[in-house]
Amino acid sequence: MNNDPAIDLPADPLPTLFPNRAAFEELLSGLRRLDQSCGSSAGKHERAIVLIHACIAQGINTRGSIMAVLLQLGFVRGHIAIVLEENSGSNPSGSHWERRADGAYESFG
C-alpha cells in the first residue's frame, strides 16, 4: 500500500488501467521487449525516458499509472519520479513531455 499522498499510485493498477490481467501482461511484455531493444549501452535514465514515452503513447499518462507500470519493470519509485520531473516542461526543445492541468502527461515526440 502506498502511504505517500504526493503519489497517486494505486495498490493494484489492474482495475483502473486494464480490462484484465492478460491485457496488462501483454503491455508489460511489449515494454520489456522495448527495454531490451535499448541495448546495453543505454543507461537506466535513458531507458526510463523511452518507456515513459511508450506508456504515454498507450494512454498510461498519469504519474501514478506510469509509476505502477515502471515499478513492474524493476524501476525504483524515486528514479521514476526524478525522470518524470526532470523531463517535464512546456518547451519541446528542452523537455520530453508536459504535464497538463488535469495532471496527465503528454509527450512531445
N, C-alpha and C. Protein backbone atom coordinates (compact mmCIF):
# COMPACT_ATOMS: atom_id res chain seq x y z
N MET A 1 0.85 -1.19 0.00
CA MET A 1 0.00 0.00 0.00
C MET A 1 0.88 1.24 0.00
N ASN A 2 0.54 2.20 -0.80
CA ASN A 2 1.30 3.44 -0.89
C ASN A 2 0.83 4.42 0.17
N ASN A 3 1.76 4.89 0.99
CA ASN A 3 1.42 5.84 2.05
C ASN A 3 1.85 7.25 1.73
N ASP A 4 2.36 7.49 0.54
CA ASP A 4 2.81 8.81 0.14
C ASP A 4 1.68 9.54 -0.58
N PRO A 5 1.07 10.56 0.04
CA PRO A 5 -0.07 11.23 -0.58
C PRO A 5 0.31 12.01 -1.83
N ALA A 6 1.59 12.28 -2.05
CA ALA A 6 2.01 13.02 -3.24
C ALA A 6 2.01 12.15 -4.49
N ILE A 7 1.93 10.84 -4.30
CA ILE A 7 1.95 9.91 -5.43
C ILE A 7 0.62 9.16 -5.48
N ASP A 8 -0.11 9.33 -6.57
CA ASP A 8 -1.41 8.70 -6.70
C ASP A 8 -1.28 7.29 -7.29
N LEU A 9 -0.47 6.47 -6.63
CA LEU A 9 -0.17 5.13 -7.09
C LEU A 9 -1.21 4.15 -6.55
N PRO A 10 -1.96 3.51 -7.46
CA PRO A 10 -2.94 2.54 -6.98
C PRO A 10 -2.24 1.31 -6.40
N ALA A 11 -2.85 0.69 -5.41
CA ALA A 11 -2.28 -0.51 -4.82
C ALA A 11 -2.20 -1.62 -5.87
N ASP A 12 -3.19 -1.72 -6.71
CA ASP A 12 -3.21 -2.69 -7.79
C ASP A 12 -3.63 -1.96 -9.06
N PRO A 13 -2.70 -1.79 -10.02
CA PRO A 13 -3.02 -0.99 -11.20
C PRO A 13 -4.01 -1.66 -12.15
N LEU A 14 -4.23 -2.95 -12.02
CA LEU A 14 -5.09 -3.66 -12.97
C LEU A 14 -6.51 -3.10 -13.09
N PRO A 15 -7.23 -2.92 -12.02
CA PRO A 15 -8.63 -2.50 -12.18
C PRO A 15 -8.80 -1.15 -12.87
N THR A 16 -7.88 -0.23 -12.66
CA THR A 16 -8.07 1.10 -13.22
C THR A 16 -7.41 1.29 -14.58
N LEU A 17 -6.43 0.48 -14.93
CA LEU A 17 -5.70 0.68 -16.17
C LEU A 17 -6.07 -0.30 -17.28
N PHE A 18 -6.44 -1.51 -16.94
CA PHE A 18 -6.61 -2.55 -17.93
C PHE A 18 -7.87 -3.36 -17.66
N PRO A 19 -8.50 -3.84 -18.72
CA PRO A 19 -9.73 -4.61 -18.54
C PRO A 19 -9.49 -5.98 -17.90
N ASN A 20 -8.28 -6.51 -18.05
CA ASN A 20 -7.99 -7.83 -17.46
C ASN A 20 -6.49 -8.04 -17.36
N ARG A 21 -6.11 -9.07 -16.66
CA ARG A 21 -4.70 -9.35 -16.44
C ARG A 21 -3.98 -9.65 -17.76
N ALA A 22 -4.62 -10.29 -18.69
CA ALA A 22 -3.97 -10.63 -19.96
C ALA A 22 -3.55 -9.35 -20.70
N ALA A 23 -4.40 -8.34 -20.70
CA ALA A 23 -4.05 -7.07 -21.36
C ALA A 23 -2.86 -6.41 -20.66
N PHE A 24 -2.85 -6.48 -19.34
CA PHE A 24 -1.76 -5.90 -18.57
C PHE A 24 -0.45 -6.64 -18.85
N GLU A 25 -0.50 -7.96 -18.86
CA GLU A 25 0.70 -8.76 -19.13
C GLU A 25 1.20 -8.54 -20.55
N GLU A 26 0.29 -8.35 -21.50
CA GLU A 26 0.68 -8.08 -22.88
C GLU A 26 1.43 -6.74 -22.97
N LEU A 27 0.92 -5.73 -22.28
CA LEU A 27 1.60 -4.44 -22.26
C LEU A 27 2.99 -4.58 -21.64
N LEU A 28 3.08 -5.25 -20.49
CA LEU A 28 4.38 -5.42 -19.84
C LEU A 28 5.36 -6.18 -20.73
N SER A 29 4.87 -7.18 -21.44
CA SER A 29 5.73 -7.94 -22.33
C SER A 29 6.29 -7.05 -23.44
N GLY A 30 5.44 -6.22 -24.01
CA GLY A 30 5.90 -5.29 -25.05
C GLY A 30 6.90 -4.28 -24.51
N LEU A 31 6.65 -3.79 -23.31
CA LEU A 31 7.58 -2.83 -22.71
C LEU A 31 8.90 -3.48 -22.36
N ARG A 32 8.87 -4.74 -21.94
CA ARG A 32 10.13 -5.45 -21.66
C ARG A 32 10.95 -5.61 -22.93
N ARG A 33 10.27 -5.94 -24.04
CA ARG A 33 10.98 -6.06 -25.33
C ARG A 33 11.58 -4.71 -25.73
N LEU A 34 10.80 -3.65 -25.55
CA LEU A 34 11.30 -2.31 -25.88
C LEU A 34 12.51 -1.97 -25.02
N ASP A 35 12.43 -2.28 -23.72
CA ASP A 35 13.54 -2.02 -22.81
C ASP A 35 14.78 -2.78 -23.26
N GLN A 36 14.62 -4.03 -23.62
CA GLN A 36 15.77 -4.84 -24.09
C GLN A 36 16.34 -4.30 -25.39
N SER A 37 15.48 -3.75 -26.24
CA SER A 37 15.96 -3.23 -27.53
C SER A 37 16.78 -1.95 -27.36
N CYS A 38 16.70 -1.33 -26.19
CA CYS A 38 17.52 -0.13 -25.94
C CYS A 38 19.00 -0.49 -25.91
N GLY A 39 19.29 -1.74 -25.63
CA GLY A 39 20.68 -2.20 -25.65
C GLY A 39 21.42 -1.92 -24.35
N SER A 40 22.56 -2.54 -24.24
CA SER A 40 23.35 -2.44 -23.02
C SER A 40 24.03 -1.08 -22.86
N SER A 41 24.13 -0.32 -23.95
CA SER A 41 24.79 0.99 -23.85
C SER A 41 23.86 2.06 -23.26
N ALA A 42 22.57 1.80 -23.25
CA ALA A 42 21.62 2.78 -22.69
C ALA A 42 21.60 2.65 -21.18
N GLY A 43 21.65 3.79 -20.50
CA GLY A 43 21.57 3.81 -19.05
C GLY A 43 20.13 3.70 -18.58
N LYS A 44 19.96 3.51 -17.30
CA LYS A 44 18.62 3.36 -16.72
C LYS A 44 17.79 4.62 -16.95
N HIS A 45 18.42 5.78 -16.92
CA HIS A 45 17.73 7.05 -17.13
C HIS A 45 17.16 7.11 -18.55
N GLU A 46 17.97 6.79 -19.54
CA GLU A 46 17.52 6.82 -20.93
C GLU A 46 16.44 5.77 -21.18
N ARG A 47 16.62 4.61 -20.58
CA ARG A 47 15.61 3.55 -20.73
C ARG A 47 14.28 3.98 -20.13
N ALA A 48 14.32 4.65 -18.99
CA ALA A 48 13.09 5.13 -18.37
C ALA A 48 12.39 6.14 -19.27
N ILE A 49 13.14 7.02 -19.90
CA ILE A 49 12.55 8.01 -20.81
C ILE A 49 11.83 7.31 -21.96
N VAL A 50 12.48 6.32 -22.57
CA VAL A 50 11.88 5.58 -23.68
C VAL A 50 10.60 4.90 -23.21
N LEU A 51 10.64 4.25 -22.05
CA LEU A 51 9.47 3.53 -21.55
C LEU A 51 8.34 4.47 -21.16
N ILE A 52 8.67 5.62 -20.61
CA ILE A 52 7.63 6.60 -20.27
C ILE A 52 6.95 7.10 -21.54
N HIS A 53 7.73 7.39 -22.57
CA HIS A 53 7.13 7.77 -23.86
C HIS A 53 6.16 6.69 -24.35
N ALA A 54 6.58 5.43 -24.25
CA ALA A 54 5.73 4.32 -24.69
C ALA A 54 4.46 4.23 -23.85
N CYS A 55 4.59 4.44 -22.55
CA CYS A 55 3.41 4.43 -21.68
C CYS A 55 2.44 5.53 -22.08
N ILE A 56 2.95 6.73 -22.26
CA ILE A 56 2.10 7.86 -22.63
C ILE A 56 1.38 7.57 -23.95
N ALA A 57 2.10 6.98 -24.91
CA ALA A 57 1.50 6.64 -26.21
C ALA A 57 0.37 5.63 -26.06
N GLN A 58 0.45 4.78 -25.02
CA GLN A 58 -0.58 3.77 -24.77
C GLN A 58 -1.72 4.30 -23.90
N GLY A 59 -1.67 5.58 -23.54
CA GLY A 59 -2.72 6.15 -22.69
C GLY A 59 -2.45 6.01 -21.20
N ILE A 60 -1.29 5.50 -20.86
CA ILE A 60 -0.88 5.40 -19.45
C ILE A 60 -0.16 6.71 -19.19
N ASN A 61 -0.89 7.71 -18.75
CA ASN A 61 -0.34 9.06 -18.78
C ASN A 61 -0.48 9.87 -17.50
N THR A 62 -0.76 9.21 -16.40
CA THR A 62 -0.74 9.91 -15.11
C THR A 62 0.48 9.44 -14.33
N ARG A 63 0.90 10.25 -13.40
CA ARG A 63 2.08 9.92 -12.58
C ARG A 63 1.91 8.55 -11.94
N GLY A 64 0.77 8.32 -11.33
CA GLY A 64 0.53 7.05 -10.64
C GLY A 64 0.52 5.85 -11.56
N SER A 65 -0.12 5.99 -12.72
CA SER A 65 -0.18 4.84 -13.62
C SER A 65 1.18 4.56 -14.27
N ILE A 66 1.92 5.61 -14.60
CA ILE A 66 3.27 5.41 -15.14
C ILE A 66 4.14 4.73 -14.09
N MET A 67 4.05 5.19 -12.85
CA MET A 67 4.84 4.57 -11.78
C MET A 67 4.45 3.11 -11.58
N ALA A 68 3.15 2.84 -11.59
CA ALA A 68 2.69 1.47 -11.37
C ALA A 68 3.27 0.53 -12.43
N VAL A 69 3.30 0.98 -13.67
CA VAL A 69 3.82 0.13 -14.75
C VAL A 69 5.33 -0.01 -14.66
N LEU A 70 6.05 1.10 -14.49
CA LEU A 70 7.51 1.01 -14.45
C LEU A 70 8.02 0.27 -13.20
N LEU A 71 7.28 0.33 -12.12
CA LEU A 71 7.65 -0.46 -10.94
C LEU A 71 7.60 -1.95 -11.28
N GLN A 72 6.63 -2.35 -12.10
CA GLN A 72 6.52 -3.75 -12.52
C GLN A 72 7.71 -4.17 -13.39
N LEU A 73 8.38 -3.18 -13.99
CA LEU A 73 9.53 -3.46 -14.86
C LEU A 73 10.86 -3.36 -14.12
N GLY A 74 10.79 -3.15 -12.80
CA GLY A 74 12.00 -3.15 -11.99
C GLY A 74 12.60 -1.79 -11.72
N PHE A 75 11.93 -0.73 -12.13
CA PHE A 75 12.44 0.61 -11.83
C PHE A 75 12.06 1.00 -10.41
N VAL A 76 12.79 1.94 -9.85
CA VAL A 76 12.59 2.39 -8.48
C VAL A 76 11.72 3.64 -8.48
N ARG A 77 10.80 3.72 -7.55
CA ARG A 77 9.85 4.82 -7.46
C ARG A 77 10.52 6.20 -7.50
N GLY A 78 11.57 6.39 -6.71
CA GLY A 78 12.24 7.68 -6.68
C GLY A 78 12.87 8.04 -8.02
N HIS A 79 13.43 7.04 -8.69
CA HIS A 79 14.03 7.29 -10.00
C HIS A 79 12.97 7.67 -11.02
N ILE A 80 11.84 6.99 -11.01
CA ILE A 80 10.75 7.31 -11.94
C ILE A 80 10.29 8.75 -11.72
N ALA A 81 10.12 9.13 -10.46
CA ALA A 81 9.68 10.49 -10.14
C ALA A 81 10.68 11.53 -10.65
N ILE A 82 11.96 11.25 -10.48
CA ILE A 82 13.00 12.17 -10.94
C ILE A 82 12.95 12.31 -12.46
N VAL A 83 12.84 11.19 -13.16
CA VAL A 83 12.81 11.23 -14.62
C VAL A 83 11.58 11.99 -15.11
N LEU A 84 10.43 11.74 -14.49
CA LEU A 84 9.22 12.47 -14.88
C LEU A 84 9.39 13.97 -14.70
N GLU A 85 9.92 14.39 -13.55
CA GLU A 85 10.06 15.82 -13.26
C GLU A 85 11.14 16.49 -14.10
N GLU A 86 12.30 15.84 -14.22
CA GLU A 86 13.42 16.46 -14.95
C GLU A 86 13.16 16.61 -16.44
N ASN A 87 12.26 15.81 -16.97
CA ASN A 87 12.00 15.82 -18.40
C ASN A 87 10.64 16.38 -18.76
N SER A 88 10.02 17.06 -17.80
CA SER A 88 8.71 17.66 -18.00
C SER A 88 8.84 19.17 -18.12
N GLY A 89 8.10 19.75 -19.04
CA GLY A 89 8.11 21.20 -19.21
C GLY A 89 7.26 21.58 -20.40
N SER A 90 7.15 22.86 -20.64
CA SER A 90 6.31 23.32 -21.74
C SER A 90 7.09 23.60 -23.02
N ASN A 91 8.40 23.42 -22.98
CA ASN A 91 9.25 23.70 -24.15
C ASN A 91 9.68 22.38 -24.79
N PRO A 92 9.17 22.07 -25.98
CA PRO A 92 9.53 20.80 -26.63
C PRO A 92 11.03 20.64 -26.91
N SER A 93 11.75 21.73 -27.05
CA SER A 93 13.18 21.59 -27.33
C SER A 93 13.99 21.25 -26.08
N GLY A 94 13.41 21.40 -24.91
CA GLY A 94 14.13 21.11 -23.68
C GLY A 94 13.47 20.07 -22.81
N SER A 95 12.34 19.53 -23.27
CA SER A 95 11.57 18.57 -22.46
C SER A 95 11.09 17.43 -23.34
N HIS A 96 10.80 16.31 -22.72
CA HIS A 96 10.23 15.17 -23.45
C HIS A 96 8.71 15.19 -23.42
N TRP A 97 8.14 15.74 -22.37
CA TRP A 97 6.69 15.76 -22.20
C TRP A 97 6.31 16.93 -21.32
N GLU A 98 5.01 17.20 -21.28
CA GLU A 98 4.50 18.22 -20.36
C GLU A 98 3.38 17.60 -19.54
N ARG A 99 3.19 18.18 -18.37
CA ARG A 99 2.10 17.74 -17.50
C ARG A 99 0.97 18.75 -17.64
N ARG A 100 -0.16 18.29 -18.15
CA ARG A 100 -1.31 19.16 -18.40
C ARG A 100 -1.97 19.55 -17.07
N ALA A 101 -2.89 20.49 -17.15
CA ALA A 101 -3.60 20.97 -15.97
C ALA A 101 -4.37 19.84 -15.29
N ASP A 102 -4.81 18.85 -16.05
CA ASP A 102 -5.55 17.73 -15.46
C ASP A 102 -4.64 16.68 -14.84
N GLY A 103 -3.31 16.92 -14.89
CA GLY A 103 -2.34 16.00 -14.28
C GLY A 103 -1.81 14.94 -15.20
N ALA A 104 -2.38 14.81 -16.39
CA ALA A 104 -1.91 13.81 -17.35
C ALA A 104 -0.71 14.35 -18.10
N TYR A 105 0.19 13.43 -18.44
CA TYR A 105 1.37 13.80 -19.23
C TYR A 105 1.06 13.65 -20.71
N GLU A 106 1.65 14.53 -21.50
CA GLU A 106 1.52 14.48 -22.95
C GLU A 106 2.92 14.55 -23.55
N SER A 107 3.22 13.60 -24.41
CA SER A 107 4.56 13.51 -25.00
C SER A 107 4.73 14.49 -26.14
N PHE A 108 5.94 15.05 -26.25
CA PHE A 108 6.26 15.93 -27.36
C PHE A 108 6.75 15.16 -28.58
N GLY A 109 7.16 13.92 -28.38
CA GLY A 109 7.77 13.21 -29.51
C GLY A 109 7.33 11.82 -29.68
